[in-house]
Amino acid sequence: MLCLSAGFISEHSDNISEATLNAINAAPVETYFLASLMMNIVNWLLGIVGLEHNPTIVTWTYTVVVFIVSFAIGYVAKWIILGGVRRLSRHWDNDLYRFLRQEMFFTKLCRIIPAIVFLIFIQFTLMSMHNRLADILTRITLLYVIYVTVMALSAFIGAVWANIDAKRNKKHLPLRGLVQLIRGIIWIIAIIIAVALLVNKSPASLLAGLGAFAAVLMLVFKDSILGLVAGVQLSENDSLHVGDWIKVNGTDANGTVIEVSLTAVKVLNWDKTTTMLPPYSLVSGSFTNYRSMQLSNTRRIQRTYMIDADSVVPLTPDMLEEFRSIQFMDNYITRKLAQKAAGKVEDVNNSEGLADGTIDTNLGLFRAYMRMWLDNNELIARGNDNTCFVSTLQQTGGGIPFQVYCFTDTSAWLPYEAIQDTVFEHLATMLSRFRLYTFEQPSGRDTIIDGYLSPGGKPENVFGIPYPFYNRDSKSPAGPESAPAPAGNDRPQ
């Protein structure tokens, strides 16, 4: 093949301009052979149509041929390299390699080959014939090389970060902002080099002149700079991880953190909406992080039940005997009566370990019952760090707030709600056993019942919906006509 090519070159050497030959002669032997071959092919093709002596057509035709050849060489090289990488993966298949393939690192890296081939052929031929055209094509190609190089480096950094995040970032620290910062620095350097290439100046001289634009750059990259500072502070203080449940005061953010970047913290709210927050707002302001609750696998219950103050009465001996039939109460009442007979009043921090409460009122006894019921409930967390108590708060116009404060043995949302429902459903059913009643605002039913009972209606007839009433035993209608007729002007017309 070399002999045939040499013969082809010698046969058509008369058609090659002297400037082209001088440029080719200055090149290495391998480049000389390829360039001479392509130039002779171009001249031979143009000679067929009689255009071999037109320098402009020869130059542009050669440029197109070089571009096509460069693209073909790049495609073949890409096919060979990617094939070798795939074969290598059979023996070297690890996480980093998989992330590199996901980021298409090898594909992006191969895109630089056609540009390099194009630069090689352009430099040693067109430079001697058309310096201006060669200079323009060289600059454009170098800009493409810079772009492809930055894309490949960005893909490599992304793959390395994904590998580190999957293996070593066990705390899920918000380090994505650092990766974005590195990528940003690479792009800034690439832009400076590209501008220096276009204006034909050194990058150092451009950097020296950037001081005048520092204020403008600070304004342009203000959010990125603040985001970087906030990301470092959040990582240093271990304040925020991906997957944390946070609630940010003054915003709608209340959900799980799904991404922390250089410019935004993305929160997936419980209503499936997404809230974007600048990272610096989490540092300059305040937010609640429920991570410690999730790690402890406990969750607090703190809810009040309004007790009608009129239902709170002193306990009599007969009532104490009645309440002994309730779970936990027999032993508790016996021991509290013994302490009272001995002159001990230990309603708080009882020396015998009895629950906080009293045997003086039905509400005090109910407090003791609820505390013992919670202590014996397997769904309620125990331990020094899991406070559990039952108390009454300051009375309001709506009654006496009866507060239950404890922690469940799980932090999962649905089980937590189920446990909380169980606690207060049990509380509601046990109130009447202690002759306690909840306080409720009067309703239409209360007004009708009051109007029925006031003229002498029988309470045992009050049952079911407000009207008509049904007798509990006979289930027969017991409307207003069954009640005694009102006297005087109260008689209905």
Protein backbone atom coordinates (compact mmCIF):
# COMPACT_ATOMS: atom_id res chain seq x y z
CA MET A 1 0.00 0.00 0.00
CA LEU A 2 2.88 2.35 0.79
CA CYS A 3 4.35 1.71 -2.73
CA LEU A 4 1.03 2.41 -4.41
CA SER A 5 0.58 5.59 -2.41
CA ALA A 6 4.11 6.76 -3.22
CA GLY A 7 3.48 6.12 -6.90
CA PHE A 8 0.23 8.04 -6.73
CA ILE A 9 1.99 11.01 -5.10
CA SER A 10 4.84 11.04 -7.67
CA GLU A 11 2.41 10.77 -10.55
CA HIS A 12 0.43 13.85 -9.50
CA SER A 13 3.15 15.86 -7.78
CA ASP A 14 3.16 18.42 -10.59
CA ASN A 15 -0.35 19.53 -9.59
CA ILE A 16 0.63 20.45 -6.00
CA SER A 17 1.56 24.06 -5.36
CA GLU A 18 5.05 24.91 -4.12
CA ALA A 19 3.71 26.42 -0.86
CA THR A 20 1.83 23.23 -0.11
CA LEU A 21 4.88 21.11 -0.74
CA ASN A 22 6.99 23.32 1.48
CA ALA A 23 4.47 22.94 4.29
CA ILE A 24 4.36 19.19 3.79
CA ASN A 25 8.12 18.87 3.65
CA ALA A 26 8.38 20.51 7.07
CA ALA A 27 6.11 17.87 8.60
CA PRO A 28 7.07 14.46 10.03
CA VAL A 29 7.27 11.47 7.72
CA GLU A 30 3.90 9.98 8.77
CA THR A 31 2.13 13.30 8.45
CA TYR A 32 3.90 13.94 5.15
CA PHE A 33 2.53 10.72 3.73
CA LEU A 34 -1.08 11.31 4.84
CA ALA A 35 -1.12 14.98 3.86
CA SER A 36 0.44 14.31 0.46
CA LEU A 37 -2.02 11.52 -0.16
CA MET A 38 -5.03 13.68 0.68
CA MET A 39 -3.71 16.68 -1.30
CA ASN A 40 -3.11 14.52 -4.37
CA ILE A 41 -6.56 13.01 -4.06
CA VAL A 42 -8.08 16.50 -3.86
CA ASN A 43 -6.08 17.73 -6.87
CA TRP A 44 -6.90 14.59 -8.84
CA LEU A 45 -10.64 15.01 -8.15
CA LEU A 46 -10.57 18.71 -9.00
CA GLY A 47 -8.50 17.97 -12.12
CA ILE A 48 -11.33 15.88 -13.46
CA VAL A 49 -13.56 18.96 -13.54
CA GLY A 50 -10.73 21.37 -14.40
CA LEU A 51 -10.59 23.27 -11.08
CA GLU A 52 -7.21 22.11 -9.81
CA HIS A 53 -5.59 25.53 -10.42
CA ASN A 54 -8.15 27.50 -8.34
CA PRO A 55 -6.47 28.03 -4.91
CA THR A 56 -9.71 28.93 -3.11
CA ILE A 57 -11.56 25.85 -4.29
CA VAL A 58 -8.54 23.66 -3.54
CA THR A 59 -8.28 25.07 -0.03
CA TRP A 60 -11.95 24.67 0.87
CA THR A 61 -12.15 21.24 -0.72
CA TYR A 62 -9.12 20.14 1.25
CA THR A 63 -10.70 21.54 4.43
CA VAL A 64 -13.89 19.55 3.83
CA VAL A 65 -11.90 16.39 3.08
CA VAL A 66 -9.84 16.86 6.24
CA PHE A 67 -13.04 17.34 8.25
CA ILE A 68 -14.59 14.16 6.83
CA VAL A 69 -11.41 12.15 7.37
CA SER A 70 -11.06 13.49 10.92
CA PHE A 71 -14.66 12.56 11.69
CA ALA A 72 -14.15 9.07 10.24
CA ILE A 73 -10.93 8.53 12.21
CA GLY A 74 -12.65 9.78 15.35
CA TYR A 75 -15.59 7.43 14.82
CA VAL A 76 -13.30 4.44 14.30
CA ALA A 77 -11.20 5.39 17.34
CA LYS A 78 -14.36 5.82 19.43
CA TRP A 79 -15.61 2.40 18.32
CA ILE A 80 -12.27 0.79 19.22
CA ILE A 81 -11.95 2.57 22.59
CA LEU A 82 -15.54 1.93 23.72
CA GLY A 83 -15.25 -1.69 22.61
CA GLY A 84 -12.09 -2.08 24.65
CA VAL A 85 -13.77 -0.46 27.64
CA ARG A 86 -16.70 -2.85 27.39
CA ARG A 87 -14.33 -5.83 27.27
CA LEU A 88 -12.42 -4.43 30.21
CA SER A 89 -15.64 -4.15 32.21
CA ARG A 90 -15.97 -7.93 32.19
CA HIS A 91 -12.87 -8.17 34.35
CA TRP A 92 -13.01 -4.78 36.11
CA ASP A 93 -16.63 -4.11 36.95
CA ASN A 94 -16.90 -1.90 40.02
CA ASP A 95 -19.06 0.98 41.22
CA LEU A 96 -16.78 3.71 39.88
CA TYR A 97 -16.83 2.18 36.40
CA ARG A 98 -20.62 1.97 36.46
CA PHE A 99 -20.91 5.61 37.50
CA LEU A 100 -18.45 6.60 34.74
CA ARG A 101 -20.66 4.85 32.21
CA GLN A 102 -23.77 6.51 33.63
CA GLU A 103 -22.12 9.91 33.21
CA MET A 104 -21.03 8.88 29.64
CA PHE A 105 -17.44 9.80 30.49
CA PHE A 106 -15.80 7.58 27.87
CA THR A 107 -18.15 8.76 25.12
CA LYS A 108 -17.50 12.41 25.92
CA LEU A 109 -13.76 11.79 26.09
CA CYS A 110 -13.73 10.19 22.63
CA ARG A 111 -15.29 13.31 21.10
CA ILE A 112 -11.93 15.06 21.37
CA ILE A 113 -10.22 12.70 18.88
CA PRO A 114 -11.70 14.16 15.63
CA ALA A 115 -10.77 17.67 16.73
CA ILE A 116 -7.16 16.67 17.42
CA VAL A 117 -6.86 14.94 14.04
CA PHE A 118 -8.35 17.98 12.33
CA LEU A 119 -5.86 20.27 14.09
CA ILE A 120 -2.92 18.12 12.99
CA PHE A 121 -3.84 18.18 9.30
CA ILE A 122 -4.80 21.85 9.26
CA GLN A 123 -1.62 23.03 10.93
CA PHE A 124 0.97 21.66 8.52
CA THR A 125 -0.88 22.40 5.25
CA LEU A 126 -3.17 25.44 5.33
CA MET A 127 -0.85 27.40 7.61
CA SER A 128 1.57 28.00 4.72
CA MET A 129 -1.10 28.66 2.09
CA HIS A 130 -3.82 30.57 3.96
CA ASN A 131 -2.67 31.73 7.35
CA ARG A 132 -5.92 33.60 8.07
CA LEU A 133 -8.17 30.64 7.31
CA ALA A 134 -5.90 28.26 9.20
CA ASP A 135 -5.92 30.60 12.20
CA ILE A 136 -9.72 30.83 12.25
CA LEU A 137 -10.20 27.07 11.90
CA THR A 138 -7.58 26.45 14.58
CA ARG A 139 -9.27 28.79 17.05
CA ILE A 140 -12.71 27.29 16.43
CA THR A 141 -11.34 23.78 16.83
CA LEU A 142 -9.52 24.70 20.04
CA LEU A 143 -12.73 26.17 21.46
CA TYR A 144 -14.43 22.85 20.71
CA VAL A 145 -11.54 20.98 22.37
CA ILE A 146 -11.91 23.15 25.48
CA TYR A 147 -15.66 22.51 25.60
CA VAL A 148 -15.32 18.74 25.18
CA THR A 149 -12.54 18.61 27.78
CA VAL A 150 -14.65 20.47 30.32
CA MET A 151 -17.63 18.20 29.66
CA ALA A 152 -15.44 15.11 30.15
CA LEU A 153 -13.94 16.51 33.37
CA SER A 154 -17.42 17.39 34.65
CA ALA A 155 -18.61 13.84 33.93
CA PHE A 156 -15.56 12.40 35.70
CA ILE A 157 -16.14 14.58 38.77
CA GLY A 158 -19.83 13.60 38.80
CA ALA A 159 -18.93 9.90 38.69
CA VAL A 160 -16.35 10.23 41.46
CA TRP A 161 -18.86 12.15 43.60
CA ALA A 162 -21.59 9.55 43.01
CA ASN A 163 -19.17 6.79 44.04
CA ILE A 164 -18.15 8.65 47.21
CA ASP A 165 -21.76 9.51 48.05
CA ALA A 166 -22.84 5.89 47.66
CA LYS A 167 -19.99 4.36 49.67
CA ARG A 168 -18.48 6.82 52.11
CA ASN A 169 -21.04 9.56 52.70
CA LYS A 170 -22.87 7.55 55.34
CA LYS A 171 -24.19 10.68 57.05
CA HIS A 172 -25.63 12.00 53.77
CA LEU A 173 -23.85 15.32 54.23
CA PRO A 174 -24.90 18.01 51.73
CA LEU A 175 -21.69 17.87 49.68
CA ARG A 176 -23.32 18.28 46.27
CA GLY A 177 -22.70 22.01 46.55
CA LEU A 178 -18.95 21.33 46.77
CA VAL A 179 -19.11 19.29 43.57
CA GLN A 180 -20.98 22.08 41.84
CA LEU A 181 -18.36 24.54 43.07
CA ILE A 182 -15.55 22.45 41.54
CA ARG A 183 -17.44 22.23 38.27
CA GLY A 184 -18.02 25.98 38.36
CA ILE A 185 -14.31 26.66 38.88
CA ILE A 186 -13.46 24.42 35.92
CA TRP A 187 -15.97 26.27 33.72
CA ILE A 188 -14.60 29.65 34.82
CA ILE A 189 -11.05 28.56 33.94
CA ALA A 190 -12.27 27.22 30.60
CA ILE A 191 -14.07 30.48 29.82
CA ILE A 192 -10.96 32.51 30.67
CA ILE A 193 -8.83 30.32 28.39
CA ALA A 194 -11.42 30.54 25.61
CA VAL A 195 -11.62 34.33 25.83
CA ALA A 196 -7.82 34.56 25.88
CA LEU A 197 -7.74 32.39 22.77
CA LEU A 198 -10.25 34.60 20.96
CA VAL A 199 -8.58 37.92 21.81
CA ASN A 200 -5.09 36.47 21.37
CA LYS A 201 -3.91 37.30 24.88
CA SER A 202 -2.51 35.21 27.69
CA PRO A 203 -4.92 34.04 30.42
CA ALA A 204 -2.67 35.68 33.04
CA SER A 205 -3.22 39.13 31.54
CA LEU A 206 -6.97 38.55 31.54
CA LEU A 207 -6.92 37.50 35.19
CA ALA A 208 -5.01 40.66 36.06
CA GLY A 209 -7.80 42.73 34.53
CA LEU A 210 -10.62 40.92 36.33
CA GLY A 211 -10.09 42.94 39.49
CA ALA A 212 -12.13 45.80 38.06
CA PHE A 213 -15.08 43.46 37.59
CA ALA A 214 -14.90 41.88 41.05
CA ALA A 215 -17.93 43.82 42.30
CA VAL A 216 -19.96 42.77 39.28
CA LEU A 217 -18.91 39.16 39.71
CA MET A 218 -19.90 39.30 43.39
CA LEU A 219 -23.39 40.43 42.41
CA VAL A 220 -23.72 37.86 39.64
CA PHE A 221 -22.52 34.96 41.81
CA LYS A 222 -23.99 36.21 45.09
CA ASP A 223 -26.39 33.29 45.52
CA SER A 224 -23.70 30.77 44.64
CA ILE A 225 -21.24 32.27 47.13
CA LEU A 226 -23.84 32.41 49.90
CA GLY A 227 -24.92 28.87 49.03
CA LEU A 228 -21.34 27.66 49.28
CA VAL A 229 -20.86 29.30 52.69
CA ALA A 230 -24.17 27.90 53.92
CA GLY A 231 -23.33 24.42 52.62
CA VAL A 232 -20.01 24.44 54.48
CA GLN A 233 -21.73 25.56 57.70
CA LEU A 234 -24.50 22.99 57.38
CA SER A 235 -21.94 20.24 56.78
CA GLU A 236 -19.64 21.39 59.57
CA ASN A 237 -22.49 21.57 62.11
CA ASP A 238 -24.12 18.38 60.79
CA SER A 239 -27.37 20.33 60.61
CA LEU A 240 -28.91 18.92 57.46
CA HIS A 241 -28.81 15.65 55.54
CA VAL A 242 -30.61 14.44 52.48
CA GLY A 243 -33.61 12.48 53.76
CA ASP A 244 -34.16 14.64 56.86
CA TRP A 245 -37.64 15.81 57.76
CA ILE A 246 -37.48 19.57 58.29
CA LYS A 247 -39.95 22.37 58.94
CA VAL A 248 -38.84 25.90 58.07
CA ASN A 249 -40.52 28.70 59.98
CA GLY A 250 -42.19 31.34 57.85
CA THR A 251 -42.37 29.13 54.75
CA ASP A 252 -44.48 26.27 53.42
CA ALA A 253 -41.55 23.87 53.69
CA ASN A 254 -42.58 20.90 55.81
CA GLY A 255 -41.33 17.59 54.50
CA THR A 256 -38.32 15.56 53.42
CA VAL A 257 -35.11 17.05 52.03
CA ILE A 258 -34.50 15.43 48.65
CA GLU A 259 -31.62 17.55 47.34
CA VAL A 260 -29.07 20.03 48.65
CA SER A 261 -27.22 21.96 45.95
CA LEU A 262 -25.12 25.09 45.74
CA THR A 263 -28.10 27.35 45.13
CA ALA A 264 -31.16 25.55 46.50
CA VAL A 265 -32.45 23.09 49.07
CA LYS A 266 -35.30 21.06 47.62
CA VAL A 267 -37.96 19.90 50.11
CA LEU A 268 -40.72 17.44 49.19
CA ASN A 269 -43.67 18.47 51.36
CA TRP A 270 -46.18 16.02 52.79
CA ASP A 271 -48.82 17.24 50.34
CA LYS A 272 -46.46 16.17 47.49
CA THR A 273 -45.59 19.76 46.58
CA THR A 274 -41.96 20.88 46.32
CA THR A 275 -40.47 23.90 48.06
CA MET A 276 -37.16 25.41 46.95
CA LEU A 277 -35.16 27.26 49.61
CA PRO A 278 -31.86 29.13 49.32
CA PRO A 279 -29.34 27.34 51.56
CA TYR A 280 -28.33 30.55 53.28
CA SER A 281 -31.89 31.04 54.58
CA LEU A 282 -31.46 27.90 56.70
CA VAL A 283 -28.32 29.36 58.28
CA SER A 284 -29.50 32.92 58.75
CA GLY A 285 -32.96 31.84 59.94
CA SER A 286 -34.26 28.89 61.93
CA PHE A 287 -35.71 25.53 61.05
CA THR A 288 -36.77 22.37 62.86
CA ASN A 289 -35.04 19.11 62.01
CA TYR A 290 -36.82 15.92 63.10
CA ARG A 291 -33.83 13.68 62.44
CA SER A 292 -33.18 12.99 66.14
CA MET A 293 -36.80 11.88 66.52
CA GLN A 294 -36.39 9.46 63.62
CA LEU A 295 -33.09 8.14 64.96
CA SER A 296 -34.57 7.56 68.43
CA ASN A 297 -37.58 5.83 66.83
CA THR A 298 -39.92 7.59 69.26
CA ARG A 299 -42.45 10.38 68.79
CA ARG A 300 -44.16 12.63 71.28
CA ILE A 301 -47.84 12.71 72.10
CA GLN A 302 -48.96 15.97 73.69
CA ARG A 303 -52.68 16.51 73.57
CA THR A 304 -55.34 17.85 75.92
CA TYR A 305 -58.88 16.78 76.60
CA MET A 306 -61.32 19.36 78.01
CA ILE A 307 -63.03 18.19 81.22
CA ASP A 308 -66.25 19.79 82.43
CA ALA A 309 -65.37 21.41 85.77
CA ASP A 310 -68.86 20.66 87.13
CA SER A 311 -68.17 16.92 86.89
CA VAL A 312 -65.13 17.10 89.22
CA VAL A 313 -66.34 16.06 92.69
CA PRO A 314 -64.78 14.86 95.97
CA LEU A 315 -64.57 11.10 96.38
CA THR A 316 -66.75 9.42 98.98
CA PRO A 317 -66.12 5.97 100.49
CA ASP A 318 -68.94 4.58 98.36
CA MET A 319 -67.37 6.00 95.21
CA LEU A 320 -63.97 4.55 96.16
CA GLU A 321 -65.56 1.13 96.54
CA GLU A 322 -67.25 1.55 93.18
CA PHE A 323 -63.97 2.49 91.47
CA ARG A 324 -62.12 -0.54 92.88
CA SER A 325 -63.61 -2.64 90.09
CA ILE A 326 -61.64 -0.64 87.52
CA GLN A 327 -58.28 -2.03 86.39
CA PHE A 328 -55.29 -0.98 88.57
CA MET A 329 -57.59 0.81 91.04
CA ASP A 330 -58.08 -1.81 93.77
CA ASN A 331 -54.42 -2.02 94.78
CA TYR A 332 -53.87 1.70 94.24
CA ILE A 333 -56.82 2.78 96.41
CA THR A 334 -55.85 0.33 99.16
CA ARG A 335 -52.27 1.57 99.35
CA LYS A 336 -53.24 5.22 99.12
CA LEU A 337 -55.76 4.78 101.96
CA ALA A 338 -53.04 3.09 104.03
CA GLN A 339 -50.66 6.00 103.39
CA LYS A 340 -53.38 8.47 104.29
CA ALA A 341 -54.11 6.62 107.52
CA ALA A 342 -50.39 6.75 108.34
CA GLY A 343 -50.36 10.50 107.80
CA LYS A 344 -48.44 10.37 104.52
CA VAL A 345 -49.51 12.65 101.71
CA GLU A 346 -47.37 11.65 98.75
CA ASP A 347 -49.26 12.57 95.64
CA VAL A 348 -45.97 13.34 93.81
CA ASN A 349 -42.79 11.20 93.92
CA ASN A 350 -44.49 8.55 96.00
CA SER A 351 -42.09 6.58 98.20
CA GLU A 352 -43.86 3.33 97.31
CA GLY A 353 -43.70 4.02 93.58
CA LEU A 354 -47.39 4.75 93.20
CA ALA A 355 -48.53 6.81 90.23
CA ASP A 356 -49.00 10.51 90.70
CA GLY A 357 -52.60 11.16 91.64
CA THR A 358 -54.97 11.51 94.56
CA ILE A 359 -57.92 9.75 96.16
CA ASP A 360 -59.49 13.08 97.04
CA THR A 361 -61.29 13.77 93.73
CA ASN A 362 -62.45 11.69 90.82
CA LEU A 363 -60.22 13.73 88.51
CA GLY A 364 -57.14 13.05 90.68
CA LEU A 365 -57.93 9.34 90.68
CA PHE A 366 -58.43 9.39 86.93
CA ARG A 367 -54.98 10.98 86.54
CA ALA A 368 -53.47 8.08 88.44
CA TYR A 369 -55.39 5.57 86.33
CA MET A 370 -54.27 7.07 83.01
CA ARG A 371 -50.64 7.16 84.17
CA MET A 372 -50.72 3.48 85.15
CA TRP A 373 -52.50 2.58 81.93
CA LEU A 374 -49.78 4.34 79.90
CA ASP A 375 -47.01 2.69 81.92
CA ASN A 376 -48.49 -0.72 81.16
CA ASN A 377 -49.07 -0.04 77.47
CA GLU A 378 -46.43 -1.71 75.28
CA LEU A 379 -46.95 0.90 72.57
CA ILE A 380 -45.70 3.69 74.83
CA ALA A 381 -41.92 4.18 75.02
CA ARG A 382 -40.24 3.87 78.41
CA GLY A 383 -36.97 5.16 79.79
CA ASN A 384 -35.50 8.27 81.36
CA ASP A 385 -35.35 10.09 78.04
CA ASN A 386 -39.00 9.36 77.26
CA THR A 387 -40.96 11.45 79.72
CA CYS A 388 -44.47 10.29 80.49
CA PHE A 389 -46.98 12.09 82.70
CA VAL A 390 -50.62 13.11 82.96
CA SER A 391 -51.56 16.55 84.27
CA THR A 392 -54.24 19.22 84.35
CA LEU A 393 -53.53 22.67 83.00
CA GLN A 394 -54.95 26.06 83.92
CA GLN A 395 -58.71 26.11 83.64
CA THR A 396 -60.20 28.03 80.74
CA GLY A 397 -63.68 29.00 79.66
CA GLY A 398 -63.82 25.71 77.82
CA GLY A 399 -63.21 23.55 80.89
CA ILE A 400 -60.19 21.97 82.59
CA PRO A 401 -57.50 20.87 80.08
CA PHE A 402 -56.50 17.27 80.83
CA GLN A 403 -53.06 16.76 79.24
CA VAL A 404 -51.43 13.50 78.23
CA TYR A 405 -47.67 13.74 77.56
CA CYS A 406 -45.78 10.63 76.46
CA PHE A 407 -43.76 9.09 73.62
CA THR A 408 -44.73 6.28 71.29
CA ASP A 409 -42.35 3.40 70.61
CA THR A 410 -42.19 4.27 66.90
CA SER A 411 -41.63 7.39 64.85
CA ALA A 412 -43.45 6.11 61.76
CA TRP A 413 -46.34 8.36 60.90
CA LEU A 414 -49.23 5.90 60.48
CA PRO A 415 -48.43 3.75 63.56
CA TYR A 416 -47.94 6.93 65.58
CA GLU A 417 -51.38 8.23 64.64
CA ALA A 418 -52.93 4.85 65.40
CA ILE A 419 -51.33 4.74 68.87
CA GLN A 420 -52.43 8.30 69.59
CA ASP A 421 -55.98 7.47 68.55
CA THR A 422 -55.97 4.41 70.80
CA VAL A 423 -54.85 6.46 73.81
CA PHE A 424 -57.53 9.12 73.48
CA GLU A 425 -60.30 6.75 72.48
CA HIS A 426 -59.58 4.82 75.67
CA LEU A 427 -59.49 8.07 77.63
CA ALA A 428 -62.88 9.10 76.23
CA THR A 429 -64.50 5.78 77.15
CA MET A 430 -63.09 5.76 80.70
CA LEU A 431 -64.20 9.27 81.64
CA SER A 432 -67.74 8.16 82.42
CA ARG A 433 -66.43 5.33 84.62
CA PHE A 434 -64.97 8.01 86.89
CA ARG A 435 -68.11 10.18 86.56
CA LEU A 436 -66.27 12.76 84.51
CA TYR A 437 -67.60 14.45 81.41
CA THR A 438 -66.07 16.40 78.60
CA PHE A 439 -66.89 20.03 78.03
CA GLU A 440 -68.54 20.77 74.71
CA GLN A 441 -70.07 23.88 73.23
CA PRO A 442 -73.91 23.75 73.19
CA SER A 443 -75.38 22.39 69.97
CA GLY A 444 -78.83 22.34 68.44
CA ARG A 445 -79.48 18.98 70.07
CA ASP A 446 -78.69 20.42 73.50
CA THR A 447 -81.16 23.25 72.91
CA ILE A 448 -83.94 20.86 71.88
CA ILE A 449 -83.28 18.53 74.81
CA ASP A 450 -83.30 21.46 77.21
CA GLY A 451 -86.61 22.64 75.75
CA TYR A 452 -88.02 19.15 76.12
CA LEU A 453 -86.91 18.60 79.70
CA SER A 454 -87.75 22.08 81.03
CA PRO A 455 -91.55 21.65 81.02
CA GLY A 456 -91.25 18.24 82.70
CA GLY A 457 -90.21 15.81 80.00
CA LYS A 458 -88.77 12.51 81.17
CA PRO A 459 -84.98 12.19 80.78
CA GLU A 460 -85.32 8.49 79.96
CA ASN A 461 -87.13 9.44 76.77
CA VAL A 462 -84.16 11.42 75.48
CA PHE A 463 -82.42 9.13 73.04
CA GLY A 464 -81.13 9.26 69.53
CA ILE A 465 -81.49 12.16 67.17
CA PRO A 466 -82.87 15.48 68.44
CA TYR A 467 -86.38 15.00 67.01
CA PRO A 468 -88.40 12.89 67.22
CA PHE A 469 -87.14 11.34 70.45
CA TYR A 470 -87.36 7.60 70.93
CA ASN A 471 -87.98 5.82 74.17
CA ARG A 472 -85.05 3.56 74.97
CA ASP A 473 -87.29 0.62 75.86
CA SER A 474 -90.24 0.78 73.50
CA LYS A 475 -88.46 2.53 70.62
CA SER A 476 -91.75 4.37 70.03
CA PRO A 477 -91.82 8.02 69.06
CA ALA A 478 -91.79 10.28 72.05
CA GLY A 479 -92.23 13.69 70.47
CA PRO A 480 -93.41 16.84 72.14
CA GLU A 481 -96.95 15.49 72.30
CA SER A 482 -95.82 12.84 74.78
CA ALA A 483 -94.43 15.44 77.15
CA PRO A 484 -96.65 17.29 79.62
CA ALA A 485 -98.35 20.26 78.04
CA PRO A 486 -96.69 23.57 78.84
CA ALA A 487 -98.63 25.83 81.12
CA GLY A 488 -99.96 29.30 80.39
CA ASN A 489 -98.64 31.23 77.45
CA ASP A 490 -96.06 28.52 76.76
CA ARG A 491 -98.78 26.29 75.22
CA PRO A 492 -98.12 25.89 71.49
CA GLN A 493 -100.77 27.37 69.21
